[in-house]
Each structure stands twice: as C-alpha cells, then as structure tokens.
Amino acid sequence: MTFNVDSNIAILLITWLVVQVLKPTKVNNHLLPLIAVVVGALIATGLSFYTHDTKLVQDVVLGVWAGFASTGLNETATKSITSIIDGFANGFGKQDKTE
C-alpha cells in the first residue's frame, strides 16, 4: 500500500514543524532545506516500515518531496505575508500625485 494523501500531508506538516523548531537554534539557516529533505525522507521511511509498505523507494521519494515542499511552503508563505504587509504600509501602489 502506497501512502495516501493524508500521510503525504502529515509528512509535509511534521517536516515543516521540525524545521520551524530548528530555526531559532544555532543551526545554520542555509542547512534547513537539506535538513527538511532528510527529515522528510526519514519520516517516510519510518512510516513505510510501520505500515509494512513494499514500495520503500517510492515512499522515500515522497518523503524527499515533502521536505522540499515544506521548504517552499515556508518561503512562499513568508514572502506572501511580507508583501501583503508592505502593501498595507505603502497603500497598495497608490499613484504618486506629482504627475
């Protein structure tokens, strides 16, 4: 049995949470995407053994994907929220009245 959507989302969220916990520590922030990929792969491997799944390689690839996705999710959310806040601060592109 291959992972279903629920298990993929769970791997993604757990990986994201682990990375968020590591962010304020002394771990170099440049290593966080690599850590996310490794954590995703480890969680997927553990889940694969727990469920007695026979497609270990596919599950590990899904774990790696979840690691990359958690990194992208964080970057996208951070940049989106920052741009929204900047938009409020700058009046969402008000025209300059010097024309």
C-alpha atoms as a PDB file:
ATOM      1  CA  MET A   1       0.000   0.000   0.000  1.00  0.00           C
ATOM      2  CA  THR A   2       1.457   3.333  -1.042  1.00  0.00           C
ATOM      3  CA  PHE A   3       0.973   6.437   1.066  1.00  0.00           C
ATOM      4  CA  ASN A   4      -2.300   8.242   0.593  1.00  0.00           C
ATOM      5  CA  VAL A   5      -2.894  11.982   0.525  1.00  0.00           C
ATOM      6  CA  ASP A   6      -3.366  12.167   4.292  1.00  0.00           C
ATOM      7  CA  SER A   7       0.004  10.598   5.019  1.00  0.00           C
ATOM      8  CA  ASN A   8       1.725  12.888   2.494  1.00  0.00           C
ATOM      9  CA  ILE A   9       0.202  15.949   4.139  1.00  0.00           C
ATOM     10  CA  ALA A  10       1.170  14.617   7.565  1.00  0.00           C
ATOM     11  CA  ILE A  11       4.787  14.129   6.430  1.00  0.00           C
ATOM     12  CA  LEU A  12       4.804  17.639   4.979  1.00  0.00           C
ATOM     13  CA  LEU A  13       3.433  19.220   8.173  1.00  0.00           C
ATOM     14  CA  ILE A  14       5.695  17.251  10.521  1.00  0.00           C
ATOM     15  CA  THR A  15       8.726  18.150   8.410  1.00  0.00           C
ATOM     16  CA  TRP A  16       7.708  21.811   8.384  1.00  0.00           C
ATOM     17  CA  LEU A  17       7.235  21.783  12.171  1.00  0.00           C
ATOM     18  CA  VAL A  18      10.655  20.206  12.746  1.00  0.00           C
ATOM     19  CA  VAL A  19      12.288  22.883  10.585  1.00  0.00           C
ATOM     20  CA  GLN A  20      10.385  25.640  12.413  1.00  0.00           C
ATOM     21  CA  VAL A  21      11.618  24.272  15.745  1.00  0.00           C
ATOM     22  CA  LEU A  22      15.206  24.242  14.448  1.00  0.00           C
ATOM     23  CA  LYS A  23      15.097  27.792  13.039  1.00  0.00           C
ATOM     24  CA  PRO A  24      15.722  29.667  16.305  1.00  0.00           C
ATOM     25  CA  THR A  25      18.551  27.321  17.318  1.00  0.00           C
ATOM     26  CA  LYS A  26      22.203  27.686  16.351  1.00  0.00           C
ATOM     27  CA  VAL A  27      21.699  25.538  13.260  1.00  0.00           C
ATOM     28  CA  ASN A  28      22.846  27.409  10.160  1.00  0.00           C
ATOM     29  CA  ASN A  29      19.721  28.559   8.276  1.00  0.00           C
ATOM     30  CA  HIS A  30      21.341  27.614   4.968  1.00  0.00           C
ATOM     31  CA  LEU A  31      21.195  23.971   6.076  1.00  0.00           C
ATOM     32  CA  LEU A  32      17.469  23.993   6.855  1.00  0.00           C
ATOM     33  CA  PRO A  33      16.312  22.916   3.353  1.00  0.00           C
ATOM     34  CA  LEU A  34      18.724  19.976   3.463  1.00  0.00           C
ATOM     35  CA  ILE A  35      17.524  19.102   6.964  1.00  0.00           C
ATOM     36  CA  ALA A  36      13.921  19.277   5.732  1.00  0.00           C
ATOM     37  CA  VAL A  37      14.663  16.831   2.924  1.00  0.00           C
ATOM     38  CA  VAL A  38      16.432  14.407   5.270  1.00  0.00           C
ATOM     39  CA  VAL A  39      13.669  14.650   7.897  1.00  0.00           C
ATOM     40  CA  GLY A  40      11.005  14.071   5.230  1.00  0.00           C
ATOM     41  CA  ALA A  41      12.845  11.013   3.954  1.00  0.00           C
ATOM     42  CA  LEU A  42      13.313   9.637   7.484  1.00  0.00           C
ATOM     43  CA  ILE A  43       9.662  10.150   8.399  1.00  0.00           C
ATOM     44  CA  ALA A  44       8.547   8.490   5.157  1.00  0.00           C
ATOM     45  CA  THR A  45      10.916   5.570   5.750  1.00  0.00           C
ATOM     46  CA  GLY A  46       9.634   5.112   9.294  1.00  0.00           C
ATOM     47  CA  LEU A  47       6.041   5.275   8.128  1.00  0.00           C
ATOM     48  CA  SER A  48       6.799   2.808   5.338  1.00  0.00           C
ATOM     49  CA  PHE A  49       8.209   0.279   7.805  1.00  0.00           C
ATOM     50  CA  TYR A  50       5.330   0.900  10.198  1.00  0.00           C
ATOM     51  CA  THR A  51       2.726   0.195   7.522  1.00  0.00           C
ATOM     52  CA  HIS A  52       4.760  -2.688   6.015  1.00  0.00           C
ATOM     53  CA  ASP A  53       4.740  -0.941   2.653  1.00  0.00           C
ATOM     54  CA  THR A  54       6.612  -2.766  -0.110  1.00  0.00           C
ATOM     55  CA  LYS A  55       7.393   0.348  -2.173  1.00  0.00           C
ATOM     56  CA  LEU A  56      10.120   1.800   0.051  1.00  0.00           C
ATOM     57  CA  VAL A  57      11.898   3.745  -2.713  1.00  0.00           C
ATOM     58  CA  GLN A  58       8.668   5.423  -3.802  1.00  0.00           C
ATOM     59  CA  ASP A  59       7.878   6.322  -0.194  1.00  0.00           C
ATOM     60  CA  VAL A  60      11.335   7.797   0.375  1.00  0.00           C
ATOM     61  CA  VAL A  61      10.978   9.885  -2.792  1.00  0.00           C
ATOM     62  CA  LEU A  62       7.629  11.134  -1.472  1.00  0.00           C
ATOM     63  CA  GLY A  63       9.374  11.997   1.810  1.00  0.00           C
ATOM     64  CA  VAL A  64      12.055  13.946  -0.032  1.00  0.00           C
ATOM     65  CA  TRP A  65       9.308  15.718  -1.974  1.00  0.00           C
ATOM     66  CA  ALA A  66       7.611  16.582   1.313  1.00  0.00           C
ATOM     67  CA  GLY A  67      10.899  18.062   2.576  1.00  0.00           C
ATOM     68  CA  PHE A  68      11.223  20.253  -0.494  1.00  0.00           C
ATOM     69  CA  ALA A  69       7.537  21.163  -0.304  1.00  0.00           C
ATOM     70  CA  SER A  70       7.805  22.199   3.335  1.00  0.00           C
ATOM     71  CA  THR A  71      10.696  24.497   2.472  1.00  0.00           C
ATOM     72  CA  GLY A  72       8.778  26.000  -0.454  1.00  0.00           C
ATOM     73  CA  LEU A  73       5.646  26.316   1.656  1.00  0.00           C
ATOM     74  CA  ASN A  74       7.530  28.296   4.262  1.00  0.00           C
ATOM     75  CA  GLU A  75       9.236  30.564   1.720  1.00  0.00           C
ATOM     76  CA  THR A  76       6.007  31.201  -0.170  1.00  0.00           C
ATOM     77  CA  ALA A  77       4.044  31.992   2.975  1.00  0.00           C
ATOM     78  CA  THR A  78       6.788  34.247   4.330  1.00  0.00           C
ATOM     79  CA  LYS A  79       7.131  36.216   1.094  1.00  0.00           C
ATOM     80  CA  SER A  80       3.362  36.480   0.599  1.00  0.00           C
ATOM     81  CA  ILE A  81       2.759  37.759   4.116  1.00  0.00           C
ATOM     82  CA  THR A  82       5.671  40.182   3.827  1.00  0.00           C
ATOM     83  CA  SER A  83       4.378  41.560   0.521  1.00  0.00           C
ATOM     84  CA  ILE A  84       0.870  41.975   1.961  1.00  0.00           C
ATOM     85  CA  ILE A  85       2.232  43.845   4.974  1.00  0.00           C
ATOM     86  CA  ASP A  86       4.391  46.015   2.712  1.00  0.00           C
ATOM     87  CA  GLY A  87       1.327  46.662   0.543  1.00  0.00           C
ATOM     88  CA  PHE A  88      -0.647  47.921   3.519  1.00  0.00           C
ATOM     89  CA  ALA A  89       2.280  50.086   4.594  1.00  0.00           C
ATOM     90  CA  ASN A  90       2.681  51.585   1.121  1.00  0.00           C
ATOM     91  CA  GLY A  91      -1.020  51.933   0.307  1.00  0.00           C
ATOM     92  CA  PHE A  92      -1.053  49.106  -2.288  1.00  0.00           C
ATOM     93  CA  GLY A  93       0.538  51.075  -5.095  1.00  0.00           C
ATOM     94  CA  LYS A  94      -1.015  54.492  -4.642  1.00  0.00           C
ATOM     95  CA  GLN A  95      -0.241  56.694  -7.591  1.00  0.00           C
ATOM     96  CA  ASP A  96       2.296  59.415  -6.972  1.00  0.00           C
ATOM     97  CA  LYS A  97       0.465  62.782  -7.165  1.00  0.00           C
ATOM     98  CA  THR A  98       3.431  64.537  -8.790  1.00  0.00           C
ATOM     99  CA  GLU A  99       2.210  63.740 -12.317  1.00  0.00           C
END
